[in-house]
Amino acid sequence: MFGAVGVLLLMAVSFGVGNIVLTHLLGPSRKGEVKGTVYESGMNPIGSARRRFNVRFYIVAMTFLLFDVEIVFFYPWAATFTKLGGPEGDGLAGMFLVRMLFFLLTSVIAFTYAWRKGVFRYD
């Protein structure tokens, strides 16, 4: 039973280690002052790290994660929602529909709040 998991872990580790080893063996190995500097999002990394930056980048990233996680939650819910009614009619489908609508409503409220605050404007 755990053999398949072990094979999968072995394949994942060997793929990662193999890529690193092959990169060092086959890849170019140029060294220099510019090549060794840190590269971060196209910004010049030279200077003080204590300068202010716009918090909108963080809020946009958090909004993206919010809707990304929301979509991840929608898939299992949509797959099992049709099976929740059942012949006994215990009301699970209605309860889960209300919970998902509440989750969706809170997400839309958060998005609307960010939109009205001007988070998505890059002037």
PDB file of N, CA and C in Angstrom:
ATOM      1  N   MET A   1       0.810  -1.189   0.000  1.00  0.00           N
ATOM      2  CA  MET A   1       0.000   0.000   0.000  1.00  0.00           C
ATOM      3  C   MET A   1       0.863   1.265   0.000  1.00  0.00           C
ATOM      4  N   PHE A   2       1.908   1.283   0.817  1.00  0.00           N
ATOM      5  CA  PHE A   2       2.773   2.442   0.874  1.00  0.00           C
ATOM      6  C   PHE A   2       3.864   2.398  -0.188  1.00  0.00           C
ATOM      7  N   GLY A   3       3.917   1.326  -0.961  1.00  0.00           N
ATOM      8  CA  GLY A   3       4.913   1.222  -2.018  1.00  0.00           C
ATOM      9  C   GLY A   3       4.735   2.281  -3.090  1.00  0.00           C
ATOM     10  N   ALA A   4       3.475   2.552  -3.458  1.00  0.00           N
ATOM     11  CA  ALA A   4       3.206   3.561  -4.479  1.00  0.00           C
ATOM     12  C   ALA A   4       3.604   4.951  -3.991  1.00  0.00           C
ATOM     13  N   VAL A   5       3.343   5.243  -2.723  1.00  0.00           N
ATOM     14  CA  VAL A   5       3.734   6.535  -2.159  1.00  0.00           C
ATOM     15  C   VAL A   5       5.253   6.640  -2.114  1.00  0.00           C
ATOM     16  N   GLY A   6       5.919   5.564  -1.755  1.00  0.00           N
ATOM     17  CA  GLY A   6       7.382   5.562  -1.731  1.00  0.00           C
ATOM     18  C   GLY A   6       7.978   5.771  -3.108  1.00  0.00           C
ATOM     19  N   VAL A   7       7.395   5.113  -4.120  1.00  0.00           N
ATOM     20  CA  VAL A   7       7.879   5.305  -5.494  1.00  0.00           C
ATOM     21  C   VAL A   7       7.659   6.742  -5.930  1.00  0.00           C
ATOM     22  N   LEU A   8       6.515   7.321  -5.596  1.00  0.00           N
ATOM     23  CA  LEU A   8       6.229   8.707  -5.961  1.00  0.00           C
ATOM     24  C   LEU A   8       7.197   9.667  -5.279  1.00  0.00           C
ATOM     25  N   LEU A   9       7.467   9.456  -3.996  1.00  0.00           N
ATOM     26  CA  LEU A   9       8.438  10.300  -3.293  1.00  0.00           C
ATOM     27  C   LEU A   9       9.837  10.143  -3.869  1.00  0.00           C
ATOM     28  N   LEU A  10      10.219   8.913  -4.204  1.00  0.00           N
ATOM     29  CA  LEU A  10      11.525   8.680  -4.810  1.00  0.00           C
ATOM     30  C   LEU A  10      11.644   9.387  -6.155  1.00  0.00           C
ATOM     31  N   MET A  11      10.592   9.323  -6.953  1.00  0.00           N
ATOM     32  CA  MET A  11      10.604  10.007  -8.244  1.00  0.00           C
ATOM     33  C   MET A  11      10.696  11.520  -8.072  1.00  0.00           C
ATOM     34  N   ALA A  12       9.970  12.070  -7.100  1.00  0.00           N
ATOM     35  CA  ALA A  12       9.992  13.521  -6.875  1.00  0.00           C
ATOM     36  C   ALA A  12      11.369  13.980  -6.413  1.00  0.00           C
ATOM     37  N   VAL A  13      11.950  13.265  -5.470  1.00  0.00           N
ATOM     38  CA  VAL A  13      13.271  13.650  -4.964  1.00  0.00           C
ATOM     39  C   VAL A  13      14.330  13.491  -6.044  1.00  0.00           C
ATOM     40  N   SER A  14      14.270  12.395  -6.791  1.00  0.00           N
ATOM     41  CA  SER A  14      15.275  12.204  -7.845  1.00  0.00           C
ATOM     42  C   SER A  14      15.109  13.224  -8.962  1.00  0.00           C
ATOM     43  N   PHE A  15      13.893  13.643  -9.254  1.00  0.00           N
ATOM     44  CA  PHE A  15      13.689  14.687 -10.259  1.00  0.00           C
ATOM     45  C   PHE A  15      14.310  16.002  -9.804  1.00  0.00           C
ATOM     46  N   GLY A  16      14.072  16.377  -8.551  1.00  0.00           N
ATOM     47  CA  GLY A  16      14.639  17.621  -8.028  1.00  0.00           C
ATOM     48  C   GLY A  16      16.156  17.591  -7.969  1.00  0.00           C
ATOM     49  N   VAL A  17      16.706  16.514  -7.422  1.00  0.00           N
ATOM     50  CA  VAL A  17      18.165  16.399  -7.317  1.00  0.00           C
ATOM     51  C   VAL A  17      18.791  16.295  -8.711  1.00  0.00           C
ATOM     52  N   GLY A  18      18.143  15.546  -9.602  1.00  0.00           N
ATOM     53  CA  GLY A  18      18.657  15.414 -10.970  1.00  0.00           C
ATOM     54  C   GLY A  18      18.706  16.742 -11.695  1.00  0.00           C
ATOM     55  N   ASN A  19      17.688  17.581 -11.528  1.00  0.00           N
ATOM     56  CA  ASN A  19      17.696  18.900 -12.164  1.00  0.00           C
ATOM     57  C   ASN A  19      18.813  19.780 -11.635  1.00  0.00           C
ATOM     58  N   ILE A  20      19.038  19.736 -10.341  1.00  0.00           N
ATOM     59  CA  ILE A  20      20.102  20.556  -9.762  1.00  0.00           C
ATOM     60  C   ILE A  20      21.467  20.079 -10.241  1.00  0.00           C
ATOM     61  N   VAL A  21      21.687  18.767 -10.245  1.00  0.00           N
ATOM     62  CA  VAL A  21      22.981  18.221 -10.674  1.00  0.00           C
ATOM     63  C   VAL A  21      23.209  18.499 -12.155  1.00  0.00           C
ATOM     64  N   LEU A  22      22.219  18.265 -12.997  1.00  0.00           N
ATOM     65  CA  LEU A  22      22.381  18.517 -14.429  1.00  0.00           C
ATOM     66  C   LEU A  22      22.576  19.992 -14.738  1.00  0.00           C
ATOM     67  N   THR A  23      21.961  20.867 -13.962  1.00  0.00           N
ATOM     68  CA  THR A  23      22.170  22.301 -14.168  1.00  0.00           C
ATOM     69  C   THR A  23      23.616  22.676 -13.874  1.00  0.00           C
ATOM     70  N   HIS A  24      24.171  22.125 -12.819  1.00  0.00           N
ATOM     71  CA  HIS A  24      25.566  22.437 -12.490  1.00  0.00           C
ATOM     72  C   HIS A  24      26.536  21.812 -13.495  1.00  0.00           C
ATOM     73  N   LEU A  25      26.207  20.656 -14.020  1.00  0.00           N
ATOM     74  CA  LEU A  25      27.103  19.999 -14.969  1.00  0.00           C
ATOM     75  C   LEU A  25      27.016  20.583 -16.375  1.00  0.00           C
ATOM     76  N   LEU A  26      25.808  20.853 -16.852  1.00  0.00           N
ATOM     77  CA  LEU A  26      25.619  21.260 -18.238  1.00  0.00           C
ATOM     78  C   LEU A  26      25.429  22.757 -18.438  1.00  0.00           C
ATOM     79  N   GLY A  27      25.001  23.461 -17.406  1.00  0.00           N
ATOM     80  CA  GLY A  27      24.691  24.882 -17.535  1.00  0.00           C
ATOM     81  C   GLY A  27      25.926  25.753 -17.563  1.00  0.00           C
ATOM     82  N   PRO A  28      25.764  26.990 -18.039  1.00  0.00           N
ATOM     83  CA  PRO A  28      26.905  27.917 -18.050  1.00  0.00           C
ATOM     84  C   PRO A  28      27.264  28.321 -16.619  1.00  0.00           C
ATOM     85  N   SER A  29      28.541  28.569 -16.409  1.00  0.00           N
ATOM     86  CA  SER A  29      29.000  28.932 -15.070  1.00  0.00           C
ATOM     87  C   SER A  29      29.775  30.241 -15.114  1.00  0.00           C
ATOM     88  N   ARG A  30      29.133  31.252 -15.638  1.00  0.00           N
ATOM     89  CA  ARG A  30      29.766  32.573 -15.671  1.00  0.00           C
ATOM     90  C   ARG A  30      29.627  33.223 -14.300  1.00  0.00           C
ATOM     91  N   LYS A  31      30.674  33.858 -13.884  1.00  0.00           N
ATOM     92  CA  LYS A  31      30.634  34.549 -12.604  1.00  0.00           C
ATOM     93  C   LYS A  31      31.024  36.004 -12.847  1.00  0.00           C
ATOM     94  N   GLY A  32      30.516  36.871 -12.007  1.00  0.00           N
ATOM     95  CA  GLY A  32      30.832  38.274 -12.128  1.00  0.00           C
ATOM     96  C   GLY A  32      30.079  39.080 -11.089  1.00  0.00           C
ATOM     97  N   GLU A  33      30.405  40.356 -11.041  1.00  0.00           N
ATOM     98  CA  GLU A  33      29.787  41.216 -10.034  1.00  0.00           C
ATOM     99  C   GLU A  33      28.297  41.408 -10.305  1.00  0.00           C
ATOM    100  N   VAL A  34      27.943  41.656 -11.565  1.00  0.00           N
ATOM    101  CA  VAL A  34      26.532  41.867 -11.910  1.00  0.00           C
ATOM    102  C   VAL A  34      25.761  40.558 -11.821  1.00  0.00           C
ATOM    103  N   LYS A  35      26.376  39.460 -12.252  1.00  0.00           N
ATOM    104  CA  LYS A  35      25.710  38.160 -12.231  1.00  0.00           C
ATOM    105  C   LYS A  35      25.428  37.703 -10.804  1.00  0.00           C
ATOM    106  N   GLY A  36      26.244  38.104  -9.861  1.00  0.00           N
ATOM    107  CA  GLY A  36      26.084  37.666  -8.491  1.00  0.00           C
ATOM    108  C   GLY A  36      25.136  38.510  -7.655  1.00  0.00           C
ATOM    109  N   THR A  37      24.633  39.640  -8.211  1.00  0.00           N
ATOM    110  CA  THR A  37      23.725  40.468  -7.428  1.00  0.00           C
ATOM    111  C   THR A  37      22.339  39.842  -7.365  1.00  0.00           C
ATOM    112  N   VAL A  38      21.576  40.254  -6.371  1.00  0.00           N
ATOM    113  CA  VAL A  38      20.226  39.748  -6.173  1.00  0.00           C
ATOM    114  C   VAL A  38      19.292  40.399  -7.181  1.00  0.00           C
ATOM    115  N   TYR A  39      18.415  39.597  -7.772  1.00  0.00           N
ATOM    116  CA  TYR A  39      17.425  40.112  -8.713  1.00  0.00           C
ATOM    117  C   TYR A  39      16.046  39.922  -8.115  1.00  0.00           C
ATOM    118  N   GLU A  40      15.299  40.997  -8.016  1.00  0.00           N
ATOM    119  CA  GLU A  40      13.966  40.908  -7.417  1.00  0.00           C
ATOM    120  C   GLU A  40      12.996  41.800  -8.181  1.00  0.00           C
ATOM    121  N   SER A  41      12.168  41.214  -8.991  1.00  0.00           N
ATOM    122  CA  SER A  41      11.050  41.880  -9.668  1.00  0.00           C
ATOM    123  C   SER A  41      11.483  43.064 -10.517  1.00  0.00           C
ATOM    124  N   GLY A  42      12.654  43.024 -11.079  1.00  0.00           N
ATOM    125  CA  GLY A  42      13.094  44.085 -11.954  1.00  0.00           C
ATOM    126  C   GLY A  42      13.529  45.348 -11.248  1.00  0.00           C
ATOM    127  N   MET A  43      13.533  45.345  -9.922  1.00  0.00           N
ATOM    128  CA  MET A  43      13.937  46.534  -9.180  1.00  0.00           C
ATOM    129  C   MET A  43      15.421  46.451  -8.844  1.00  0.00           C
ATOM    130  N   ASN A  44      16.051  47.584  -8.785  1.00  0.00           N
ATOM    131  CA  ASN A  44      17.464  47.644  -8.445  1.00  0.00           C
ATOM    132  C   ASN A  44      17.631  47.322  -6.960  1.00  0.00           C
ATOM    133  N   PRO A  45      18.350  46.249  -6.606  1.00  0.00           N
ATOM    134  CA  PRO A  45      18.452  45.859  -5.199  1.00  0.00           C
ATOM    135  C   PRO A  45      19.482  46.658  -4.413  1.00  0.00           C
ATOM    136  N   ILE A  46      20.169  47.580  -5.059  1.00  0.00           N
ATOM    137  CA  ILE A  46      21.194  48.355  -4.377  1.00  0.00           C
ATOM    138  C   ILE A  46      20.527  49.524  -3.655  1.00  0.00           C
ATOM    139  N   GLY A  47      20.843  49.722  -2.414  1.00  0.00           N
ATOM    140  CA  GLY A  47      20.268  50.823  -1.643  1.00  0.00           C
ATOM    141  C   GLY A  47      19.704  50.331  -0.330  1.00  0.00           C
ATOM    142  N   SER A  48      18.996  51.218   0.344  1.00  0.00           N
ATOM    143  CA  SER A  48      18.452  50.904   1.655  1.00  0.00           C
ATOM    144  C   SER A  48      17.233  50.000   1.545  1.00  0.00           C
ATOM    145  N   ALA A  49      17.116  49.088   2.466  1.00  0.00           N
ATOM    146  CA  ALA A  49      15.953  48.208   2.514  1.00  0.00           C
ATOM    147  C   ALA A  49      14.842  48.817   3.355  1.00  0.00           C
ATOM    148  N   ARG A  50      15.054  49.975   3.885  1.00  0.00           N
ATOM    149  CA  ARG A  50      14.095  50.601   4.790  1.00  0.00           C
ATOM    150  C   ARG A  50      13.221  51.647   4.099  1.00  0.00           C
ATOM    151  N   ARG A  51      13.206  51.700   2.779  1.00  0.00           N
ATOM    152  CA  ARG A  51      12.359  52.683   2.104  1.00  0.00           C
ATOM    153  C   ARG A  51      10.923  52.179   2.016  1.00  0.00           C
ATOM    154  N   ARG A  52      10.005  53.106   1.864  1.00  0.00           N
ATOM    155  CA  ARG A  52       8.590  52.763   1.824  1.00  0.00           C
ATOM    156  C   ARG A  52       8.231  52.174   0.470  1.00  0.00           C
ATOM    157  N   PHE A  53       7.256  51.281   0.477  1.00  0.00           N
ATOM    158  CA  PHE A  53       6.734  50.746  -0.766  1.00  0.00           C
ATOM    159  C   PHE A  53       5.216  50.749  -0.685  1.00  0.00           C
ATOM    160  N   ASN A  54       4.598  50.683  -1.841  1.00  0.00           N
ATOM    161  CA  ASN A  54       3.148  50.753  -1.914  1.00  0.00           C
ATOM    162  C   ASN A  54       2.548  49.437  -1.437  1.00  0.00           C
ATOM    163  N   VAL A  55       1.607  49.510  -0.520  1.00  0.00           N
ATOM    164  CA  VAL A  55       1.009  48.319   0.054  1.00  0.00           C
ATOM    165  C   VAL A  55      -0.003  47.681  -0.901  1.00  0.00           C
ATOM    166  N   ARG A  56      -0.330  48.353  -2.000  1.00  0.00           N
ATOM    167  CA  ARG A  56      -1.295  47.801  -2.953  1.00  0.00           C
ATOM    168  C   ARG A  56      -0.824  46.483  -3.548  1.00  0.00           C
ATOM    169  N   PHE A  57       0.461  46.321  -3.733  1.00  0.00           N
ATOM    170  CA  PHE A  57       0.974  45.069  -4.278  1.00  0.00           C
ATOM    171  C   PHE A  57       0.616  43.901  -3.351  1.00  0.00           C
ATOM    172  N   TYR A  58       0.743  44.130  -2.065  1.00  0.00           N
ATOM    173  CA  TYR A  58       0.410  43.104  -1.077  1.00  0.00           C
ATOM    174  C   TYR A  58      -1.086  42.812  -1.099  1.00  0.00           C
ATOM    175  N   ILE A  59      -1.895  43.848  -1.179  1.00  0.00           N
ATOM    176  CA  ILE A  59      -3.351  43.655  -1.158  1.00  0.00           C
ATOM    177  C   ILE A  59      -3.820  42.942  -2.415  1.00  0.00           C
ATOM    178  N   VAL A  60      -3.243  43.259  -3.570  1.00  0.00           N
ATOM    179  CA  VAL A  60      -3.604  42.556  -4.806  1.00  0.00           C
ATOM    180  C   VAL A  60      -3.227  41.080  -4.698  1.00  0.00           C
ATOM    181  N   ALA A  61      -2.066  40.789  -4.136  1.00  0.00           N
ATOM    182  CA  ALA A  61      -1.653  39.396  -3.964  1.00  0.00           C
ATOM    183  C   ALA A  61      -2.597  38.663  -3.017  1.00  0.00           C
ATOM    184  N   MET A  62      -3.002  39.307  -1.948  1.00  0.00           N
ATOM    185  CA  MET A  62      -3.929  38.673  -1.006  1.00  0.00           C
ATOM    186  C   MET A  62      -5.301  38.468  -1.640  1.00  0.00           C
ATOM    187  N   THR A  63      -5.745  39.412  -2.476  1.00  0.00           N
ATOM    188  CA  THR A  63      -7.028  39.256  -3.165  1.00  0.00           C
ATOM    189  C   THR A  63      -6.958  38.098  -4.148  1.00  0.00           C
ATOM    190  N   PHE A  64      -5.842  37.974  -4.848  1.00  0.00           N
ATOM    191  CA  PHE A  64      -5.673  36.846  -5.755  1.00  0.00           C
ATOM    192  C   PHE A  64      -5.737  35.529  -4.992  1.00  0.00           C
ATOM    193  N   LEU A  65      -5.053  35.461  -3.857  1.00  0.00           N
ATOM    194  CA  LEU A  65      -5.085  34.236  -3.051  1.00  0.00           C
ATOM    195  C   LEU A  65      -6.490  33.942  -2.540  1.00  0.00           C
ATOM    196  N   LEU A  66      -7.223  34.979  -2.183  1.00  0.00           N
ATOM    197  CA  LEU A  66      -8.586  34.794  -1.710  1.00  0.00           C
ATOM    198  C   LEU A  66      -9.432  34.109  -2.770  1.00  0.00           C
ATOM    199  N   PHE A  67      -9.395  34.620  -3.997  1.00  0.00           N
ATOM    200  CA  PHE A  67     -10.226  34.032  -5.044  1.00  0.00           C
ATOM    201  C   PHE A  67      -9.657  32.706  -5.538  1.00  0.00           C
ATOM    202  N   ASP A  68      -8.372  32.529  -5.445  1.00  0.00           N
ATOM    203  CA  ASP A  68      -7.769  31.255  -5.809  1.00  0.00           C
ATOM    204  C   ASP A  68      -8.229  30.158  -4.846  1.00  0.00           C
ATOM    205  N   VAL A  69      -8.194  30.445  -3.565  1.00  0.00           N
ATOM    206  CA  VAL A  69      -8.642  29.480  -2.565  1.00  0.00           C
ATOM    207  C   VAL A  69     -10.145  29.260  -2.691  1.00  0.00           C
ATOM    208  N   GLU A  70     -10.874  30.308  -3.027  1.00  0.00           N
ATOM    209  CA  GLU A  70     -12.320  30.166  -3.209  1.00  0.00           C
ATOM    210  C   GLU A  70     -12.634  29.179  -4.329  1.00  0.00           C
ATOM    211  N   ILE A  71     -11.927  29.263  -5.424  1.00  0.00           N
ATOM    212  CA  ILE A  71     -12.143  28.335  -6.540  1.00  0.00           C
ATOM    213  C   ILE A  71     -11.780  26.909  -6.122  1.00  0.00           C
ATOM    214  N   VAL A  72     -10.722  26.761  -5.327  1.00  0.00           N
ATOM    215  CA  VAL A  72     -10.333  25.432  -4.858  1.00  0.00           C
ATOM    216  C   VAL A  72     -11.436  24.832  -3.991  1.00  0.00           C
ATOM    217  N   PHE A  73     -12.120  25.654  -3.208  1.00  0.00           N
ATOM    218  CA  PHE A  73     -13.224  25.159  -2.382  1.00  0.00           C
ATOM    219  C   PHE A  73     -14.479  24.876  -3.195  1.00  0.00           C
ATOM    220  N   PHE A  74     -14.650  25.556  -4.320  1.00  0.00           N
ATOM    221  CA  PHE A  74     -15.846  25.342  -5.134  1.00  0.00           C
ATOM    222  C   PHE A  74     -15.867  23.968  -5.799  1.00  0.00           C
ATOM    223  N   TYR A  75     -14.733  23.450  -6.208  1.00  0.00           N
ATOM    224  CA  TYR A  75     -14.708  22.170  -6.926  1.00  0.00           C
ATOM    225  C   TYR A  75     -15.266  21.008  -6.111  1.00  0.00           C
ATOM    226  N   PRO A  76     -14.775  20.747  -4.906  1.00  0.00           N
ATOM    227  CA  PRO A  76     -15.354  19.623  -4.165  1.00  0.00           C
ATOM    228  C   PRO A  76     -16.807  19.878  -3.767  1.00  0.00           C
ATOM    229  N   TRP A  77     -17.135  21.122  -3.487  1.00  0.00           N
ATOM    230  CA  TRP A  77     -18.516  21.432  -3.134  1.00  0.00           C
ATOM    231  C   TRP A  77     -19.445  21.149  -4.308  1.00  0.00           C
ATOM    232  N   ALA A  78     -19.054  21.580  -5.514  1.00  0.00           N
ATOM    233  CA  ALA A  78     -19.894  21.366  -6.687  1.00  0.00           C
ATOM    234  C   ALA A  78     -20.011  19.880  -7.029  1.00  0.00           C
ATOM    235  N   ALA A  79     -18.957  19.124  -6.776  1.00  0.00           N
ATOM    236  CA  ALA A  79     -18.994  17.699  -7.099  1.00  0.00           C
ATOM    237  C   ALA A  79     -19.905  16.929  -6.149  1.00  0.00           C
ATOM    238  N   THR A  80     -19.995  17.358  -4.902  1.00  0.00           N
ATOM    239  CA  THR A  80     -20.800  16.613  -3.928  1.00  0.00           C
ATOM    240  C   THR A  80     -22.164  17.240  -3.665  1.00  0.00           C
ATOM    241  N   PHE A  81     -22.412  18.443  -4.173  1.00  0.00           N
ATOM    242  CA  PHE A  81     -23.660  19.132  -3.849  1.00  0.00           C
ATOM    243  C   PHE A  81     -24.880  18.380  -4.357  1.00  0.00           C
ATOM    244  N   THR A  82     -24.810  17.799  -5.563  1.00  0.00           N
ATOM    245  CA  THR A  82     -25.969  17.102  -6.121  1.00  0.00           C
ATOM    246  C   THR A  82     -26.281  15.817  -5.354  1.00  0.00           C
ATOM    247  N   LYS A  83     -25.308  15.265  -4.638  1.00  0.00           N
ATOM    248  CA  LYS A  83     -25.520  14.031  -3.894  1.00  0.00           C
ATOM    249  C   LYS A  83     -26.001  14.280  -2.462  1.00  0.00           C
ATOM    250  N   LEU A  84     -26.074  15.537  -2.040  1.00  0.00           N
ATOM    251  CA  LEU A  84     -26.423  15.842  -0.655  1.00  0.00           C
ATOM    252  C   LEU A  84     -27.916  15.775  -0.382  1.00  0.00           C
ATOM    253  N   GLY A  85     -28.752  15.910  -1.411  1.00  0.00           N
ATOM    254  CA  GLY A  85     -30.198  15.898  -1.199  1.00  0.00           C
ATOM    255  C   GLY A  85     -30.664  14.561  -0.661  1.00  0.00           C
ATOM    256  N   GLY A  86     -30.333  13.513  -1.353  1.00  0.00           N
ATOM    257  CA  GLY A  86     -30.657  12.166  -0.899  1.00  0.00           C
ATOM    258  C   GLY A  86     -32.144  11.898  -0.840  1.00  0.00           C
ATOM    259  N   PRO A  87     -32.518  10.644  -0.759  1.00  0.00           N
ATOM    260  CA  PRO A  87     -33.942  10.293  -0.720  1.00  0.00           C
ATOM    261  C   PRO A  87     -34.605  10.626   0.616  1.00  0.00           C
ATOM    262  N   GLU A  88     -33.807  10.736   1.679  1.00  0.00           N
ATOM    263  CA  GLU A  88     -34.445  11.013   2.964  1.00  0.00           C
ATOM    264  C   GLU A  88     -34.777  12.490   3.138  1.00  0.00           C
ATOM    265  N   GLY A  89     -34.194  13.366   2.336  1.00  0.00           N
ATOM    266  CA  GLY A  89     -34.512  14.796   2.406  1.00  0.00           C
ATOM    267  C   GLY A  89     -34.137  15.415   3.741  1.00  0.00           C
ATOM    268  N   ASP A  90     -32.907  15.173   4.198  1.00  0.00           N
ATOM    269  CA  ASP A  90     -32.490  15.646   5.517  1.00  0.00           C
ATOM    270  C   ASP A  90     -32.068  17.112   5.534  1.00  0.00           C
ATOM    271  N   GLY A  91     -32.100  17.782   4.397  1.00  0.00           N
ATOM    272  CA  GLY A  91     -31.811  19.218   4.373  1.00  0.00           C
ATOM    273  C   GLY A  91     -30.347  19.579   4.319  1.00  0.00           C
ATOM    274  N   LEU A  92     -29.475  18.628   4.087  1.00  0.00           N
ATOM    275  CA  LEU A  92     -28.051  18.949   3.992  1.00  0.00           C
ATOM    276  C   LEU A  92     -27.746  19.845   2.803  1.00  0.00           C
ATOM    277  N   ALA A  93     -28.441  19.627   1.705  1.00  0.00           N
ATOM    278  CA  ALA A  93     -28.167  20.421   0.505  1.00  0.00           C
ATOM    279  C   ALA A  93     -28.455  21.892   0.759  1.00  0.00           C
ATOM    280  N   GLY A  94     -29.554  22.185   1.408  1.00  0.00           N
ATOM    281  CA  GLY A  94     -29.897  23.576   1.705  1.00  0.00           C
ATOM    282  C   GLY A  94     -28.890  24.221   2.640  1.00  0.00           C
ATOM    283  N   MET A  95     -28.462  23.481   3.660  1.00  0.00           N
ATOM    284  CA  MET A  95     -27.491  24.010   4.608  1.00  0.00           C
ATOM    285  C   MET A  95     -26.158  24.305   3.922  1.00  0.00           C
ATOM    286  N   PHE A  96     -25.703  23.383   3.075  1.00  0.00           N
ATOM    287  CA  PHE A  96     -24.434  23.592   2.386  1.00  0.00           C
ATOM    288  C   PHE A  96     -24.540  24.691   1.330  1.00  0.00           C
ATOM    289  N   LEU A  97     -25.702  24.868   0.729  1.00  0.00           N
ATOM    290  CA  LEU A  97     -25.904  25.968  -0.213  1.00  0.00           C
ATOM    291  C   LEU A  97     -25.819  27.306   0.520  1.00  0.00           C
ATOM    292  N   VAL A  98     -26.433  27.410   1.685  1.00  0.00           N
ATOM    293  CA  VAL A  98     -26.380  28.648   2.462  1.00  0.00           C
ATOM    294  C   VAL A  98     -24.949  28.943   2.899  1.00  0.00           C
ATOM    295  N   ARG A  99     -24.215  27.932   3.312  1.00  0.00           N
ATOM    296  CA  ARG A  99     -22.817  28.135   3.721  1.00  0.00           C
ATOM    297  C   ARG A  99     -21.954  28.624   2.557  1.00  0.00           C
ATOM    298  N   MET A 100     -22.167  28.029   1.379  1.00  0.00           N
ATOM    299  CA  MET A 100     -21.370  28.449   0.230  1.00  0.00           C
ATOM    300  C   MET A 100     -21.761  29.849  -0.230  1.00  0.00           C
ATOM    301  N   LEU A 101     -23.028  30.186  -0.167  1.00  0.00           N
ATOM    302  CA  LEU A 101     -23.450  31.543  -0.528  1.00  0.00           C
ATOM    303  C   LEU A 101     -22.896  32.562   0.462  1.00  0.00           C
ATOM    304  N   PHE A 102     -22.827  32.215   1.747  1.00  0.00           N
ATOM    305  CA  PHE A 102     -22.215  33.105   2.730  1.00  0.00           C
ATOM    306  C   PHE A 102     -20.723  33.293   2.439  1.00  0.00           C
ATOM    307  N   PHE A 103     -20.054  32.206   2.104  1.00  0.00           N
ATOM    308  CA  PHE A 103     -18.631  32.287   1.760  1.00  0.00           C
ATOM    309  C   PHE A 103     -18.428  33.169   0.527  1.00  0.00           C
ATOM    310  N   LEU A 104     -19.271  32.998  -0.463  1.00  0.00           N
ATOM    311  CA  LEU A 104     -19.182  33.800  -1.677  1.00  0.00           C
ATOM    312  C   LEU A 104     -19.503  35.260  -1.382  1.00  0.00           C
ATOM    313  N   LEU A 105     -20.496  35.521  -0.548  1.00  0.00           N
ATOM    314  CA  LEU A 105     -20.871  36.888  -0.206  1.00  0.00           C
ATOM    315  C   LEU A 105     -19.737  37.607   0.524  1.00  0.00           C
ATOM    316  N   THR A 106     -19.093  36.945   1.463  1.00  0.00           N
ATOM    317  CA  THR A 106     -17.980  37.584   2.172  1.00  0.00           C
ATOM    318  C   THR A 106     -16.812  37.862   1.229  1.00  0.00           C
ATOM    319  N   SER A 107     -16.593  36.986   0.264  1.00  0.00           N
ATOM    320  CA  SER A 107     -15.525  37.221  -0.713  1.00  0.00           C
ATOM    321  C   SER A 107     -15.850  38.411  -1.607  1.00  0.00           C
ATOM    322  N   VAL A 108     -17.095  38.514  -2.030  1.00  0.00           N
ATOM    323  CA  VAL A 108     -17.504  39.643  -2.876  1.00  0.00           C
ATOM    324  C   VAL A 108     -17.431  40.952  -2.093  1.00  0.00           C
ATOM    325  N   ILE A 109     -17.799  40.922  -0.818  1.00  0.00           N
ATOM    326  CA  ILE A 109     -17.694  42.126   0.007  1.00  0.00           C
ATOM    327  C   ILE A 109     -16.234  42.559   0.135  1.00  0.00           C
ATOM    328  N   ALA A 110     -15.323  41.610   0.341  1.00  0.00           N
ATOM    329  CA  ALA A 110     -13.901  41.939   0.439  1.00  0.00           C
ATOM    330  C   ALA A 110     -13.381  42.515  -0.873  1.00  0.00           C
ATOM    331  N   PHE A 111     -13.800  41.932  -1.997  1.00  0.00           N
ATOM    332  CA  PHE A 111     -13.372  42.440  -3.299  1.00  0.00           C
ATOM    333  C   PHE A 111     -13.925  43.841  -3.547  1.00  0.00           C
ATOM    334  N   THR A 112     -15.190  44.059  -3.214  1.00  0.00           N
ATOM    335  CA  THR A 112     -15.803  45.381  -3.395  1.00  0.00           C
ATOM    336  C   THR A 112     -15.122  46.423  -2.526  1.00  0.00           C
ATOM    337  N   TYR A 113     -14.786  46.051  -1.303  1.00  0.00           N
ATOM    338  CA  TYR A 113     -14.075  46.965  -0.411  1.00  0.00           C
ATOM    339  C   TYR A 113     -12.729  47.362  -1.018  1.00  0.00           C
ATOM    340  N   ALA A 114     -11.991  46.379  -1.511  1.00  0.00           N
ATOM    341  CA  ALA A 114     -10.689  46.681  -2.115  1.00  0.00           C
ATOM    342  C   ALA A 114     -10.859  47.535  -3.372  1.00  0.00           C
ATOM    343  N   TRP A 115     -11.881  47.267  -4.143  1.00  0.00           N
ATOM    344  CA  TRP A 115     -12.126  48.039  -5.367  1.00  0.00           C
ATOM    345  C   TRP A 115     -12.440  49.494  -5.031  1.00  0.00           C
ATOM    346  N   ARG A 116     -13.294  49.708  -4.045  1.00  0.00           N
ATOM    347  CA  ARG A 116     -13.685  51.074  -3.689  1.00  0.00           C
ATOM    348  C   ARG A 116     -12.549  51.827  -3.016  1.00  0.00           C
ATOM    349  N   LYS A 117     -11.634  51.131  -2.377  1.00  0.00           N
ATOM    350  CA  LYS A 117     -10.462  51.781  -1.781  1.00  0.00           C
ATOM    351  C   LYS A 117      -9.430  52.158  -2.837  1.00  0.00           C
ATOM    352  N   GLY A 118      -9.621  51.689  -4.083  1.00  0.00           N
ATOM    353  CA  GLY A 118      -8.698  52.021  -5.160  1.00  0.00           C
ATOM    354  C   GLY A 118      -7.460  51.154  -5.193  1.00  0.00           C
ATOM    355  N   VAL A 119      -7.566  49.950  -4.665  1.00  0.00           N
ATOM    356  CA  VAL A 119      -6.405  49.061  -4.618  1.00  0.00           C
ATOM    357  C   VAL A 119      -5.981  48.650  -6.024  1.00  0.00           C
ATOM    358  N   PHE A 120      -6.920  48.491  -6.923  1.00  0.00           N
ATOM    359  CA  PHE A 120      -6.606  47.957  -8.237  1.00  0.00           C
ATOM    360  C   PHE A 120      -6.225  49.038  -9.247  1.00  0.00           C
ATOM    361  N   ARG A 121      -6.088  50.289  -8.806  1.00  0.00           N
ATOM    362  CA  ARG A 121      -5.656  51.368  -9.710  1.00  0.00           C
ATOM    363  C   ARG A 121      -4.148  51.570  -9.555  1.00  0.00           C
ATOM    364  N   TYR A 122      -3.452  51.519 -10.656  1.00  0.00           N
ATOM    365  CA  TYR A 122      -2.006  51.746 -10.652  1.00  0.00           C
ATOM    366  C   TYR A 122      -1.712  52.985 -11.458  1.00  0.00           C
ATOM    367  N   ASP A 123      -1.881  54.138 -10.835  1.00  0.00           N
ATOM    368  CA  ASP A 123      -1.629  55.410 -11.517  1.00  0.00           C
ATOM    369  C   ASP A 123      -0.229  55.872 -11.242  1.00  0.00           C
TER     370      ASP A 123
END
